[in-house]
Amino acid sequence: MEYKRDLFKGNDKSVFRLILGFAFLVISILWIISKISENELIKPFDWLYSIVFALNGVAHIFAGLGTSIERFFGKSFVNIDNDSISFKFGAFEKEKVTNWQDILSIVYVPHHLTIQMRDNSTKMFSLTKLDSSCILDIKETISKIATLKKIELVIN
């Protein structure tokens, strides 16, 4: 039994976000061109303004193409297999891994997973950032593997 899910995958493409992104890029370029054509000094504010608009445009273009900009900074996933449970909910968050052999019991209450370890420590995982279909798949997979491994499971 295995469950893997890339949490950055599945963003829909959007023509509106593409157009908005290109508009931001054009505005940032035209701002500098207008300063140059009027023979004005390009001040630090003008560069900052153009850079912010250009970066905003690039972010919107990536989102419009269906790619998360966070993907460039790291991964976000859920991976449950016969050896371990791994969660990484954001690009800048640390991966949390729990081996099945170290688990004594698992308690699931809506949107929270509490794992009691054999060394009497407790690991808590908040599933609030996940959509309902992902939570149901996680619950189902953990239930099946916990039953096979004879781990106490409480689902409220």
Protein backbone atom coordinates (compact mmCIF):
# COMPACT_ATOMS: atom_id res chain seq x y z
CA MET A 1 0.00 0.00 0.00
CA GLU A 2 1.35 3.40 -0.93
CA TYR A 3 0.08 6.95 -1.26
CA LYS A 4 2.08 9.78 -2.86
CA ARG A 5 0.88 13.26 -3.64
CA ASP A 6 2.69 16.36 -4.84
CA LEU A 7 0.91 19.25 -3.13
CA PHE A 8 2.12 21.81 -5.70
CA LYS A 9 0.71 19.81 -8.60
CA GLY A 10 -2.72 20.40 -10.07
CA ASN A 11 -2.87 24.16 -10.47
CA ASP A 12 -5.20 25.03 -13.31
CA LYS A 13 -4.03 27.09 -16.26
CA SER A 14 -5.56 30.54 -16.50
CA VAL A 15 -5.64 32.84 -19.51
CA PHE A 16 -6.57 35.78 -17.26
CA ARG A 17 -3.45 35.27 -15.10
CA LEU A 18 -1.30 35.04 -18.24
CA ILE A 19 -2.71 38.31 -19.60
CA LEU A 20 -2.32 39.96 -16.18
CA GLY A 21 1.29 38.77 -15.95
CA PHE A 22 2.18 40.09 -19.39
CA ALA A 23 0.45 43.39 -18.56
CA PHE A 24 2.61 43.77 -15.44
CA LEU A 25 5.74 43.01 -17.48
CA VAL A 26 4.79 45.53 -20.19
CA ILE A 27 4.04 48.23 -17.59
CA SER A 28 7.41 47.67 -15.89
CA ILE A 29 9.25 47.94 -19.22
CA LEU A 30 7.25 50.94 -20.42
CA TRP A 31 7.93 52.78 -17.13
CA ILE A 32 11.70 52.69 -17.75
CA ILE A 33 11.31 53.41 -21.49
CA SER A 34 9.16 56.46 -20.71
CA LYS A 35 11.86 57.81 -18.37
CA ILE A 36 14.54 57.28 -20.99
CA SER A 37 12.50 58.83 -23.82
CA GLU A 38 11.78 61.94 -21.72
CA ASN A 39 15.51 62.24 -20.91
CA GLU A 40 14.71 62.02 -17.21
CA LEU A 41 17.03 60.60 -14.63
CA ILE A 42 15.99 57.08 -13.69
CA LYS A 43 15.78 57.19 -9.90
CA PRO A 44 16.06 54.21 -7.51
CA PHE A 45 12.27 54.37 -7.02
CA ASP A 46 11.76 53.86 -10.77
CA TRP A 47 14.03 50.78 -10.76
CA LEU A 48 12.34 49.39 -7.66
CA TYR A 49 8.88 50.03 -9.14
CA SER A 50 9.84 48.30 -12.39
CA ILE A 51 11.46 45.33 -10.66
CA VAL A 52 8.45 44.77 -8.38
CA PHE A 53 6.06 44.95 -11.33
CA ALA A 54 8.26 42.62 -13.42
CA LEU A 55 8.50 40.03 -10.62
CA ASN A 56 4.77 40.25 -10.06
CA GLY A 57 4.27 39.70 -13.79
CA VAL A 58 6.56 36.67 -13.83
CA ALA A 59 4.71 35.16 -10.84
CA HIS A 60 1.36 35.65 -12.59
CA ILE A 61 2.69 34.15 -15.82
CA PHE A 62 3.88 31.01 -14.01
CA ALA A 63 0.53 30.73 -12.22
CA GLY A 64 -1.27 31.20 -15.52
CA LEU A 65 0.75 28.35 -17.00
CA GLY A 66 -0.30 26.12 -14.09
CA THR A 67 3.04 26.07 -12.31
CA SER A 68 3.40 27.11 -8.68
CA ILE A 69 6.17 29.66 -8.14
CA GLU A 70 6.88 27.93 -4.82
CA ARG A 71 8.06 24.87 -6.76
CA PHE A 72 11.30 26.74 -7.54
CA PHE A 73 12.06 27.05 -3.82
CA GLY A 74 11.28 23.49 -2.71
CA LYS A 75 8.85 20.61 -2.66
CA SER A 76 5.57 19.98 -0.89
CA PHE A 77 4.26 16.44 -0.63
CA VAL A 78 2.60 13.63 1.28
CA ASN A 79 4.23 10.21 1.04
CA ILE A 80 2.87 7.20 2.92
CA ASP A 81 4.31 3.74 2.27
CA ASN A 82 4.97 0.52 4.19
CA ASP A 83 8.13 1.97 5.77
CA SER A 84 7.23 5.52 6.79
CA ILE A 85 4.85 8.46 6.80
CA SER A 86 6.35 11.66 5.33
CA PHE A 87 4.78 15.12 5.23
CA LYS A 88 6.15 18.35 3.83
CA PHE A 89 3.37 20.94 3.65
CA GLY A 90 5.28 23.88 2.18
CA ALA A 91 8.39 24.76 0.23
CA PHE A 92 10.01 26.37 3.26
CA GLU A 93 8.85 23.84 5.85
CA LYS A 94 10.93 20.94 7.12
CA GLU A 95 10.05 17.41 6.06
CA LYS A 96 8.48 15.36 8.89
CA VAL A 97 9.15 11.62 8.69
CA THR A 98 7.81 8.93 11.01
CA ASN A 99 8.78 5.28 10.64
CA TRP A 100 6.00 2.75 11.11
CA GLN A 101 8.18 0.59 13.36
CA ASP A 102 8.38 3.47 15.88
CA ILE A 103 4.60 4.03 16.06
CA LEU A 104 2.56 2.75 19.01
CA SER A 105 -0.83 4.28 18.14
CA ILE A 106 -2.48 6.79 15.81
CA VAL A 107 -5.38 9.07 16.67
CA TYR A 108 -7.18 10.96 13.91
CA VAL A 109 -9.56 13.79 14.75
CA PRO A 110 -10.83 16.00 11.92
CA HIS A 111 -7.84 17.68 10.24
CA HIS A 112 -5.32 16.51 12.90
CA LEU A 113 -3.23 13.39 13.17
CA THR A 114 -1.63 12.50 16.52
CA ILE A 115 0.96 9.73 16.55
CA GLN A 116 2.07 8.17 19.82
CA MET A 117 5.60 6.85 19.48
CA ARG A 118 7.10 3.80 21.24
CA ASP A 119 9.46 6.08 23.20
CA ASN A 120 6.36 7.84 24.70
CA SER A 121 6.83 10.98 22.59
CA THR A 122 3.99 12.38 20.52
CA LYS A 123 4.00 13.76 17.00
CA MET A 124 1.14 15.95 15.85
CA PHE A 125 0.38 16.75 12.24
CA SER A 126 -2.12 19.41 11.22
CA LEU A 127 -3.83 18.54 7.94
CA THR A 128 -5.69 21.85 7.64
CA LYS A 129 -3.68 22.92 4.57
CA LEU A 130 -4.88 19.90 2.58
CA ASP A 131 -8.06 19.49 0.57
CA SER A 132 -10.72 17.04 1.68
CA SER A 133 -9.97 14.40 -0.98
CA CYS A 134 -6.33 14.30 0.07
CA ILE A 135 -7.30 13.97 3.76
CA LEU A 136 -9.65 11.08 2.95
CA ASP A 137 -6.92 9.32 0.96
CA ILE A 138 -4.46 9.79 3.83
CA LYS A 139 -6.97 8.43 6.34
CA GLU A 140 -7.71 5.40 4.18
CA THR A 141 -4.05 4.60 3.51
CA ILE A 142 -3.02 5.01 7.15
CA SER A 143 -5.97 2.85 8.25
CA LYS A 144 -4.98 0.01 5.90
CA ILE A 145 -1.29 0.07 6.77
CA ALA A 146 -1.95 0.44 10.52
CA THR A 147 -4.28 -2.57 10.41
CA LEU A 148 -1.66 -4.64 8.58
CA LYS A 149 1.03 -3.62 11.07
CA LYS A 150 -1.31 -4.12 14.08
CA ILE A 151 -1.03 -0.52 15.25
CA GLU A 152 -3.82 0.87 17.39
CA LEU A 153 -5.89 3.33 15.37
CA VAL A 154 -8.57 5.67 16.68
CA ILE A 155 -10.63 7.65 14.17
CA ASN A 156 -13.06 10.23 15.56
